[in-house]
Amino acid sequence: MNTSKRKIKDAPKVGMVSLGCPKALVDSERIMTALRSEGYQFSNTHEGADIVIVNTCGFLDSAKEESLGAIGDALDENGRVIVTGCMGAEPDQITEKYPKVLAVTGPHQYEQVLEAVHDALPPVHDPFVDLVPEEGLKLTPRHYAYLKISEGCNNRCTFCIIPALRGDLASRPIHHVMYEAEKLVNAGVKELLVISQDTSAYGVDLKYAEYPWHNKKRKTKFYDLCEALGELGTWNRLHYVYPYPHVDDVIPLMAEGKILPYLDIPFQHGSPAVLKKMRRPGNQIKTAGRIQKWREICPDLTIRSTFIVGFPGETEEDFEMLLDWLDEAQIERAGCFKYEPVEGAQSNAIEGHVPEEVKEERWHRFMEKQQEISAAILQKKIGKTLPVIVDEIESDALVCRSQGDAPEIDGNVYCNVVEGIKEGDIINAKIVDADDYDLWGSVSNS
C-alpha cells in the first residue's frame, strides 16, 4: 500500500467557515495553514468533515445573526463545532444559544484555535502530508492575496467596537510583512491587497522601528512599506487608509507605478457636526482639496470610500452637506450603510436617533447621487486602453478588473475571450462601453 495515500485518506478533515471582512479571511488562512502543516485535510462540506471551525464576525448585529446562523447550521449538519473570531470576544452570547459548541476563542487567537482542534481531533503526524505550499493556504484565487500589516486600532469612533474586540493597534514588523509578501509573489501572486484596521497608522505603536530588508534598513512605517512593496513588481492596493497628512507622500509612488493609483479611505460622512459625533476628522472641505491635489500629481487615482447615513443626530442639513461633498469630491467608488446600533458602541447613547424610514430614504438619495457620479466618470474611460487583471474566464467573456477596481467590492471589466490568456494575466484592454459600475473592453490577439 502507498503510505502517503493511506495517510491522506486517514488524515482528520476540518471544515472552515470564514465570515466578515478580509482581515478575518487572513485569520482563517493562517489557521488553515497551521492545521495543514500538521497533516489535517479540509472538507468543502460540513458532512464530510470531522470537525468544523466557524470564524465569526461581530461588528454589526446583522453580522452577529449571520454568525450565529452559521454556527447553528454547522451544529445541525456536523455536530462538532469550534467557534473563533470577533464574536468569541464575548463567548457567553454563543454558549448561551449553543451550549454544545466544543470551544470558543477570541479574534486572532491562533494558538487557542489549534489547541481546541488538537483536543477534539488529534492530528495525524506524517512527513508526506505535513508539507504545505510556501505561501500557506489561501481562500482567494492564486493571483491575488490579502496582506495584513497590523491588528487592532487606536481610534475610538463612537459607532465602532473593533478596539474592544481586537485591541489597540499592533503592527507587524516591516521585515515580517515583506517576507510574507515576497513568498506570495514567488508563489505567483500578481496583486497584493494591503489591509488592517488603520493602514496609514502602521508602525506608530512600534515607534517606526527599523529592520533590515534586502540590505537596506527600513522603518516600520506606512511610506517605507509602500516603497518596499513597490520593488516587488506587483499590483499593490491600499485599503482602509485613514487620511493622515503623511498619506500625501505616497501619491508620487502611485504616479510612478510602484503602488496602484487607488486609495480606500473610509470618510464616513461630509458634515463636520456628524463627524464630530462619530469622533472622526471634521474638516472634509480640506480633505476634498487634498483629493484635488492628489489628482494633480496622479491623474489616474481612484478613490473608494464608505459612508453612514442616518447616524444619531443627523439632520436633513447634515445629509445635504454630505451630498454636496460628493459633488465636490467626485470620488469614483462609494458604499453606503444605514446606521445600525451595535451593542457596546458609544453612539447608542447619542440623542436624536433617526427613524428607519428616513434612513432608507436618505440611503436611496445617496446611492442615486453616487450612481450619477460613477456613471459619468466611467463614460470618460471609453476609448482609453487600460491594464486589467483577469479574474475569471467564462465561455463568452474574460472577467477582469482595472487598477481602479478591488476584488469583490468594485466593478469589473468584461472583455472578449482571447486564446492563450490565463487567469491572473495582466493584459491591455481598450474600453468600448460603460454602465454605472462596470466597463466593457476589447482585447486584441497580438
Protein backbone atom coordinates (compact mmCIF):
# COMPACT_ATOMS: atom_id res chain seq x y z
CA MET A 1 0.00 0.00 0.00
CA ASN A 2 1.22 3.52 -0.79
CA THR A 3 1.83 5.06 2.64
CA SER A 4 1.24 8.66 1.58
CA LYS A 5 -2.12 7.80 0.01
CA ARG A 6 -3.14 5.86 3.10
CA LYS A 7 -2.24 8.75 5.36
CA ILE A 8 -4.03 11.34 3.20
CA LYS A 9 -7.15 9.21 3.27
CA ASP A 10 -6.93 8.70 7.04
CA ALA A 11 -5.99 12.29 7.88
CA PRO A 12 -8.57 14.15 10.01
CA LYS A 13 -10.72 16.53 7.98
CA VAL A 14 -11.70 20.06 9.02
CA GLY A 15 -14.46 22.26 7.62
CA MET A 16 -13.86 26.02 7.59
CA VAL A 17 -16.45 28.81 7.54
CA SER A 18 -14.98 32.33 7.30
CA LEU A 19 -17.30 35.32 7.79
CA GLY A 20 -16.73 39.06 7.88
CA CYS A 21 -14.02 41.28 6.48
CA PRO A 22 -10.77 40.46 4.64
CA LYS A 23 -8.89 40.73 7.96
CA ALA A 24 -10.93 37.77 9.25
CA LEU A 25 -10.24 35.96 5.98
CA VAL A 26 -6.50 36.28 6.62
CA ASP A 27 -7.04 34.88 10.13
CA SER A 28 -8.82 31.88 8.58
CA GLU A 29 -5.99 31.37 6.10
CA ARG A 30 -3.44 31.34 8.92
CA ILE A 31 -5.46 28.80 10.89
CA MET A 32 -5.79 26.61 7.79
CA THR A 33 -2.08 26.89 7.02
CA ALA A 34 -1.12 25.89 10.56
CA LEU A 35 -3.51 22.92 10.52
CA ARG A 36 -2.39 21.75 7.09
CA SER A 37 1.23 21.84 8.25
CA GLU A 38 0.20 19.35 10.96
CA GLY A 39 -1.35 16.93 8.48
CA TYR A 40 -5.02 17.97 8.59
CA GLN A 41 -7.07 17.90 5.40
CA PHE A 42 -10.06 20.10 4.56
CA SER A 43 -13.62 19.38 3.50
CA ASN A 44 -15.87 21.57 1.36
CA THR A 45 -18.95 20.26 3.20
CA HIS A 46 -19.90 20.02 6.85
CA GLU A 47 -20.97 16.41 6.40
CA GLY A 48 -17.56 15.43 5.03
CA ALA A 49 -15.63 16.97 7.93
CA ASP A 50 -14.70 15.52 11.30
CA ILE A 51 -14.99 18.97 12.85
CA VAL A 52 -16.00 22.49 11.70
CA ILE A 53 -14.37 25.82 12.60
CA VAL A 54 -16.59 28.91 12.29
CA ASN A 55 -14.68 32.25 12.17
CA THR A 56 -17.32 34.78 13.21
CA CYS A 57 -17.93 38.49 12.62
CA GLY A 58 -19.30 40.58 15.47
CA PHE A 59 -19.19 44.11 14.13
CA LEU A 60 -22.92 44.64 13.47
CA ASP A 61 -25.96 42.96 14.95
CA SER A 62 -26.84 41.67 11.48
CA ALA A 63 -23.34 40.18 11.21
CA LYS A 64 -23.77 38.54 14.61
CA GLU A 65 -27.03 36.98 13.45
CA GLU A 66 -25.29 35.66 10.34
CA SER A 67 -22.53 34.20 12.51
CA LEU A 68 -24.98 32.57 14.91
CA GLY A 69 -26.85 31.12 11.94
CA ALA A 70 -23.62 29.68 10.53
CA ILE A 71 -22.82 28.09 13.91
CA GLY A 72 -26.32 26.58 14.05
CA ASP A 73 -26.00 25.19 10.52
CA ALA A 74 -22.64 23.62 11.34
CA LEU A 75 -24.02 22.05 14.51
CA ASP A 76 -27.04 20.67 12.65
CA GLU A 77 -25.00 19.26 9.77
CA ASN A 78 -21.89 18.16 11.67
CA GLY A 79 -22.33 18.43 15.43
CA ARG A 80 -18.68 19.14 16.30
CA VAL A 81 -18.01 22.89 16.10
CA ILE A 82 -15.26 25.24 17.29
CA VAL A 83 -16.02 28.97 17.20
CA THR A 84 -13.45 31.74 16.84
CA GLY A 85 -13.30 35.35 15.61
CA CYS A 86 -14.79 38.63 16.81
CA MET A 87 -17.88 37.15 18.47
CA GLY A 88 -15.54 34.98 20.51
CA ALA A 89 -14.56 38.07 22.49
CA GLU A 90 -17.92 37.63 24.26
CA PRO A 91 -18.28 33.84 24.45
CA ASP A 92 -21.44 33.87 26.57
CA GLN A 93 -23.56 35.12 23.66
CA ILE A 94 -22.52 31.98 21.76
CA THR A 95 -22.59 29.38 24.51
CA GLU A 96 -25.96 30.54 25.82
CA LYS A 97 -27.55 29.78 22.45
CA TYR A 98 -25.31 26.85 21.51
CA PRO A 99 -24.03 25.13 24.66
CA LYS A 100 -22.82 22.14 22.62
CA VAL A 101 -20.03 24.01 20.80
CA LEU A 102 -16.70 22.41 21.65
CA ALA A 103 -14.76 25.63 22.25
CA VAL A 104 -14.94 29.40 21.78
CA THR A 105 -11.85 31.55 21.19
CA GLY A 106 -11.45 35.26 20.54
CA PRO A 107 -10.16 37.11 17.46
CA HIS A 108 -6.65 36.31 16.15
CA GLN A 109 -6.10 33.68 18.86
CA TYR A 110 -4.46 31.19 16.55
CA GLU A 111 -2.80 29.09 19.24
CA GLN A 112 -6.04 28.64 21.17
CA VAL A 113 -7.85 27.54 17.99
CA LEU A 114 -5.14 24.96 17.29
CA GLU A 115 -5.28 23.70 20.87
CA ALA A 116 -9.06 23.31 20.63
CA VAL A 117 -8.70 21.36 17.38
CA HIS A 118 -5.97 19.16 18.89
CA ASP A 119 -8.18 18.38 21.90
CA ALA A 120 -11.19 17.46 19.79
CA LEU A 121 -9.40 15.93 16.81
CA PRO A 122 -5.76 14.94 17.35
CA PRO A 123 -3.51 15.38 14.29
CA VAL A 124 -2.08 12.51 12.27
CA HIS A 125 1.67 13.01 12.05
CA ASP A 126 3.12 12.04 8.68
CA PRO A 127 6.01 13.71 6.84
CA PHE A 128 4.28 13.17 3.49
CA VAL A 129 1.25 15.28 4.35
CA ASP A 130 2.74 17.76 6.80
CA LEU A 131 4.05 19.85 3.90
CA VAL A 132 2.19 22.98 2.75
CA PRO A 133 2.89 25.45 -0.04
CA GLU A 134 5.48 28.03 0.98
CA GLU A 135 2.89 30.83 0.81
CA GLY A 136 0.42 28.94 3.03
CA LEU A 137 -3.17 28.07 2.17
CA LYS A 138 -5.37 30.73 0.61
CA LEU A 139 -9.11 31.23 0.19
CA THR A 140 -8.53 33.76 -2.60
CA PRO A 141 -7.63 32.96 -6.22
CA ARG A 142 -3.96 32.21 -6.82
CA HIS A 143 -3.20 35.56 -8.46
CA TYR A 144 -4.15 37.91 -5.62
CA ALA A 145 -3.83 37.82 -1.84
CA TYR A 146 -4.59 39.96 1.18
CA LEU A 147 -1.58 41.15 3.19
CA LYS A 148 -2.44 42.04 6.77
CA ILE A 149 0.03 44.51 8.26
CA SER A 150 -1.45 45.06 11.74
CA GLU A 151 -4.18 44.15 14.18
CA GLY A 152 -6.44 46.40 16.24
CA CYS A 153 -6.94 50.16 16.20
CA ASN A 154 -6.11 53.20 18.34
CA ASN A 155 -9.09 55.24 17.15
CA ARG A 156 -12.24 55.43 19.25
CA CYS A 157 -15.01 56.08 16.73
CA THR A 158 -18.31 56.10 18.58
CA PHE A 159 -20.03 53.67 16.19
CA CYS A 160 -17.24 51.07 16.27
CA ILE A 161 -16.36 48.33 18.75
CA ILE A 162 -13.30 46.99 16.90
CA PRO A 163 -10.83 48.17 19.60
CA ALA A 164 -12.90 46.31 22.20
CA LEU A 165 -12.89 43.18 20.03
CA ARG A 166 -9.33 43.28 18.65
CA GLY A 167 -7.46 45.65 20.98
CA ASP A 168 -5.23 48.61 20.22
CA LEU A 169 -3.00 48.88 17.17
CA ALA A 170 -0.40 46.11 16.98
CA SER A 171 1.76 46.42 13.86
CA ARG A 172 3.80 43.61 12.35
CA PRO A 173 7.50 44.50 11.92
CA ILE A 174 8.18 45.53 8.35
CA HIS A 175 10.59 42.66 7.63
CA HIS A 176 7.93 40.15 8.68
CA VAL A 177 5.39 41.74 6.33
CA MET A 178 7.85 41.87 3.46
CA TYR A 179 8.93 38.26 4.00
CA GLU A 180 5.31 37.16 3.65
CA ALA A 181 4.80 39.44 0.64
CA GLU A 182 7.85 38.04 -1.13
CA LYS A 183 6.73 34.45 -0.51
CA LEU A 184 3.35 35.27 -2.04
CA VAL A 185 4.95 36.86 -5.09
CA ASN A 186 7.28 33.87 -5.54
CA ALA A 187 4.21 31.64 -5.49
CA GLY A 188 2.64 33.54 -8.39
CA VAL A 189 0.59 36.27 -6.71
CA LYS A 190 0.23 39.29 -9.01
CA GLU A 191 -1.75 41.60 -6.73
CA LEU A 192 -1.28 42.33 -3.02
CA LEU A 193 -4.16 43.94 -1.14
CA VAL A 194 -2.80 45.68 1.96
CA ILE A 195 -5.27 45.54 4.84
CA SER A 196 -5.55 46.47 8.51
CA GLN A 197 -7.98 48.48 10.60
CA ASP A 198 -5.96 51.69 10.10
CA THR A 199 -3.35 51.15 7.40
CA SER A 200 -1.81 54.62 7.45
CA ALA A 201 -1.15 54.35 11.21
CA TYR A 202 1.12 51.38 10.51
CA GLY A 203 4.11 51.27 12.84
CA VAL A 204 3.19 54.07 15.22
CA ASP A 205 2.91 51.55 18.10
CA LEU A 206 6.42 50.28 17.34
CA LYS A 207 7.76 53.85 17.16
CA TYR A 208 8.60 53.14 13.50
CA ALA A 209 11.31 50.65 14.47
CA GLU A 210 13.92 49.92 11.77
CA TYR A 211 14.72 46.45 10.47
CA PRO A 212 16.97 45.28 7.65
CA TRP A 213 15.33 44.08 4.46
CA HIS A 214 17.35 43.28 1.35
CA ASN A 215 20.49 45.02 2.61
CA LYS A 216 18.66 48.20 3.49
CA LYS A 217 17.29 49.44 6.81
CA ARG A 218 13.60 50.23 6.57
CA LYS A 219 11.26 51.74 9.11
CA THR A 220 8.07 50.03 10.16
CA LYS A 221 6.15 52.92 8.64
CA PHE A 222 3.46 53.48 6.02
CA TYR A 223 5.71 55.15 3.44
CA ASP A 224 8.60 52.71 3.87
CA LEU A 225 6.24 49.75 3.48
CA CYS A 226 4.78 51.21 0.28
CA GLU A 227 8.28 51.87 -1.06
CA ALA A 228 9.38 48.29 -0.30
CA LEU A 229 6.25 46.78 -1.83
CA GLY A 230 6.83 48.90 -4.92
CA GLU A 231 10.06 46.96 -5.55
CA LEU A 232 8.23 43.61 -5.92
CA GLY A 233 6.75 44.30 -9.36
CA THR A 234 3.20 43.53 -8.20
CA TRP A 235 -0.05 45.44 -8.16
CA ASN A 236 -0.13 46.83 -4.60
CA ARG A 237 -3.54 48.06 -3.45
CA LEU A 238 -4.05 50.07 -0.24
CA HIS A 239 -7.20 49.56 1.83
CA TYR A 240 -8.55 51.29 4.95
CA VAL A 241 -6.25 54.30 4.68
CA TYR A 242 -7.08 56.99 7.23
CA PRO A 243 -6.28 60.37 5.58
CA TYR A 244 -3.42 61.47 7.84
CA PRO A 245 -1.15 64.16 6.35
CA HIS A 246 1.67 61.69 5.54
CA VAL A 247 -0.61 59.88 3.07
CA ASP A 248 0.28 62.73 0.68
CA ASP A 249 3.83 61.34 0.49
CA VAL A 250 2.65 58.08 -1.10
CA ILE A 251 0.85 59.70 -4.04
CA PRO A 252 4.10 60.15 -6.05
CA LEU A 253 4.74 56.39 -5.68
CA MET A 254 1.37 55.87 -7.34
CA ALA A 255 2.26 58.25 -10.15
CA GLU A 256 5.47 56.25 -10.67
CA GLY A 257 3.54 52.96 -10.91
CA LYS A 258 5.03 51.43 -7.76
CA ILE A 259 1.72 51.45 -5.86
CA LEU A 260 -1.66 51.17 -7.59
CA PRO A 261 -3.36 54.56 -8.03
CA TYR A 262 -6.11 53.51 -5.64
CA LEU A 263 -6.97 54.62 -2.12
CA ASP A 264 -9.68 53.09 0.03
CA ILE A 265 -10.44 55.83 2.58
CA PRO A 266 -13.43 55.44 4.96
CA PHE A 267 -14.60 59.08 5.09
CA GLN A 268 -17.94 58.09 6.71
CA HIS A 269 -19.66 61.49 6.26
CA GLY A 270 -19.37 65.02 4.92
CA SER A 271 -20.90 67.03 7.77
CA PRO A 272 -18.49 68.35 10.43
CA ALA A 273 -21.25 68.05 13.05
CA VAL A 274 -21.87 64.38 12.30
CA LEU A 275 -18.15 63.64 12.05
CA LYS A 276 -17.67 65.19 15.48
CA LYS A 277 -20.35 62.89 16.90
CA MET A 278 -18.57 59.98 15.19
CA ARG A 279 -15.20 61.18 16.54
CA ARG A 280 -13.86 61.35 13.00
CA PRO A 281 -11.85 64.21 11.44
CA GLY A 282 -14.31 67.03 10.79
CA ASN A 283 -12.63 69.14 8.11
CA GLN A 284 -13.89 67.44 4.95
CA ILE A 285 -13.52 70.67 2.98
CA LYS A 286 -9.77 70.40 3.50
CA THR A 287 -9.89 66.72 2.55
CA ALA A 288 -11.70 67.50 -0.70
CA GLY A 289 -8.94 69.97 -1.51
CA ARG A 290 -6.30 67.34 -0.81
CA ILE A 291 -8.05 64.94 -3.19
CA GLN A 292 -7.79 67.57 -5.92
CA LYS A 293 -4.04 67.96 -5.25
CA TRP A 294 -3.57 64.18 -5.26
CA ARG A 295 -5.18 64.02 -8.70
CA GLU A 296 -2.89 66.75 -9.99
CA ILE A 297 0.06 64.51 -9.07
CA CYS A 298 -1.61 61.23 -10.10
CA PRO A 299 -4.45 61.83 -12.61
CA ASP A 300 -5.38 58.13 -12.71
CA LEU A 301 -6.11 57.99 -8.98
CA THR A 302 -9.27 56.11 -7.97
CA ILE A 303 -10.75 56.76 -4.54
CA ARG A 304 -13.14 54.37 -2.84
CA SER A 305 -14.91 55.18 0.40
CA THR A 306 -17.72 54.17 2.72
CA PHE A 307 -20.35 56.37 4.33
CA ILE A 308 -23.01 56.08 7.02
CA VAL A 309 -26.40 57.76 6.68
CA GLY A 310 -28.91 58.15 9.48
CA PHE A 311 -26.29 58.47 12.22
CA PRO A 312 -27.84 59.68 15.51
CA GLY A 313 -28.37 63.42 15.34
CA GLU A 314 -28.01 63.61 11.55
CA THR A 315 -30.29 66.38 10.27
CA GLU A 316 -31.53 66.97 6.75
CA GLU A 317 -28.99 69.80 6.54
CA ASP A 318 -26.21 67.40 7.52
CA PHE A 319 -27.30 64.94 4.87
CA GLU A 320 -27.47 67.64 2.18
CA MET A 321 -23.94 68.61 3.17
CA LEU A 322 -22.87 65.01 2.51
CA LEU A 323 -24.43 65.10 -0.96
CA ASP A 324 -22.68 68.42 -1.66
CA TRP A 325 -19.38 66.87 -0.55
CA LEU A 326 -19.90 64.01 -3.01
CA ASP A 327 -20.49 66.54 -5.79
CA GLU A 328 -17.28 68.37 -4.92
CA ALA A 329 -15.01 65.40 -4.27
CA GLN A 330 -16.23 63.29 -7.23
CA ILE A 331 -14.89 60.05 -5.78
CA GLU A 332 -15.11 57.08 -8.11
CA ARG A 333 -16.41 54.39 -5.73
CA ALA A 334 -18.63 54.75 -2.67
CA GLY A 335 -20.53 52.34 -0.50
CA CYS A 336 -23.24 53.45 1.88
CA PHE A 337 -24.65 51.89 5.04
CA LYS A 338 -27.72 52.81 7.05
CA TYR A 339 -26.69 53.38 10.65
CA GLU A 340 -27.26 50.31 12.78
CA PRO A 341 -26.85 50.33 16.58
CA VAL A 342 -24.11 47.99 17.76
CA GLU A 343 -24.11 46.57 21.26
CA GLY A 344 -21.41 48.29 23.25
CA ALA A 345 -20.97 51.25 20.87
CA GLN A 346 -20.96 54.73 22.40
CA SER A 347 -23.13 56.08 19.58
CA ASN A 348 -26.11 54.26 21.10
CA ALA A 349 -26.28 56.96 23.79
CA ILE A 350 -26.25 59.89 21.32
CA GLU A 351 -29.58 61.72 21.19
CA GLY A 352 -31.68 62.07 18.05
CA HIS A 353 -31.82 58.57 16.58
CA VAL A 354 -33.08 58.80 13.01
CA PRO A 355 -36.30 56.90 12.09
CA GLU A 356 -35.80 53.87 9.86
CA GLU A 357 -37.91 55.30 7.05
CA VAL A 358 -35.73 58.43 6.99
CA LYS A 359 -32.57 56.32 6.87
CA GLU A 360 -34.00 54.35 3.96
CA GLU A 361 -34.95 57.50 2.04
CA ARG A 362 -31.54 59.08 2.58
CA TRP A 363 -29.77 55.87 1.57
CA HIS A 364 -31.61 55.83 -1.76
CA ARG A 365 -30.80 59.51 -2.40
CA PHE A 366 -27.13 58.87 -1.60
CA MET A 367 -26.95 55.90 -3.95
CA GLU A 368 -28.67 57.80 -6.77
CA LYS A 369 -26.18 60.67 -6.40
CA GLN A 370 -23.15 58.36 -6.35
CA GLN A 371 -24.53 56.34 -9.27
CA GLU A 372 -24.67 59.50 -11.36
CA ILE A 373 -21.09 60.39 -10.41
CA SER A 374 -19.78 56.89 -11.07
CA ALA A 375 -21.54 56.62 -14.44
CA ALA A 376 -20.15 59.97 -15.61
CA ILE A 377 -16.60 59.04 -14.57
CA LEU A 378 -16.76 55.65 -16.30
CA GLN A 379 -18.09 57.18 -19.51
CA LYS A 380 -14.87 59.20 -19.73
CA LYS A 381 -12.88 55.96 -19.85
CA ILE A 382 -14.41 54.90 -23.17
CA GLY A 383 -11.69 54.93 -25.82
CA LYS A 384 -8.85 54.56 -23.34
CA THR A 385 -6.62 51.50 -23.11
CA LEU A 386 -6.26 50.22 -19.55
CA PRO A 387 -4.22 47.44 -17.95
CA VAL A 388 -6.58 44.84 -16.46
CA ILE A 389 -6.07 41.66 -14.46
CA VAL A 390 -8.02 38.55 -15.46
CA ASP A 391 -10.01 37.10 -12.54
CA GLU A 392 -12.14 34.51 -14.37
CA ILE A 393 -12.50 33.06 -17.83
CA GLU A 394 -16.10 32.34 -18.79
CA SER A 395 -17.32 30.81 -22.03
CA ASP A 396 -18.18 34.19 -23.54
CA ALA A 397 -16.09 36.71 -21.59
CA LEU A 398 -12.94 37.45 -19.64
CA VAL A 399 -13.97 38.82 -16.24
CA CYS A 400 -11.27 41.35 -15.39
CA ARG A 401 -10.56 44.29 -13.11
CA SER A 402 -8.80 47.56 -13.78
CA GLN A 403 -6.31 49.17 -11.42
CA GLY A 404 -9.27 51.12 -10.04
CA ASP A 405 -11.23 48.00 -9.05
CA ALA A 406 -10.65 45.93 -5.92
CA PRO A 407 -11.97 42.35 -5.95
CA GLU A 408 -15.46 41.69 -4.56
CA ILE A 409 -16.29 45.34 -3.79
CA ASP A 410 -15.77 47.33 -7.01
CA GLY A 411 -16.72 46.89 -10.64
CA ASN A 412 -15.45 44.60 -13.39
CA VAL A 413 -14.11 44.98 -16.90
CA TYR A 414 -15.69 42.43 -19.25
CA CYS A 415 -13.58 41.57 -22.29
CA ASN A 416 -13.78 39.25 -25.27
CA VAL A 417 -12.22 35.82 -24.88
CA VAL A 418 -8.77 35.50 -26.47
CA GLU A 419 -6.92 32.22 -26.81
CA GLY A 420 -3.85 31.84 -24.64
CA ILE A 421 -4.91 34.24 -21.87
CA LYS A 422 -4.95 32.73 -18.38
CA GLU A 423 -6.44 33.71 -15.02
CA GLY A 424 -4.06 36.11 -13.31
CA ASP A 425 -2.67 37.54 -16.55
CA ILE A 426 -2.38 41.33 -16.76
CA ILE A 427 -3.38 42.49 -20.24
CA ASN A 428 -4.35 45.70 -22.02
CA ALA A 429 -8.00 46.33 -22.86
CA LYS A 430 -9.43 49.15 -24.97
CA ILE A 431 -12.61 50.35 -23.27
CA VAL A 432 -15.58 50.35 -25.65
CA ASP A 433 -18.58 50.73 -23.32
CA ALA A 434 -19.57 51.52 -19.73
CA ASP A 435 -22.57 51.49 -17.43
CA ASP A 436 -22.99 52.81 -13.88
CA TYR A 437 -20.39 50.50 -12.33
CA ASP A 438 -18.73 48.25 -14.94
CA LEU A 439 -16.69 48.59 -18.14
CA TRP A 440 -16.50 46.57 -21.35
CA GLY A 441 -13.22 46.21 -23.16
CA SER A 442 -11.75 44.83 -26.36
CA VAL A 443 -8.59 42.69 -26.25
CA SER A 444 -6.58 42.03 -29.39
CA ASN A 445 -4.89 38.74 -30.30
CA SER A 446 -1.46 40.34 -30.52
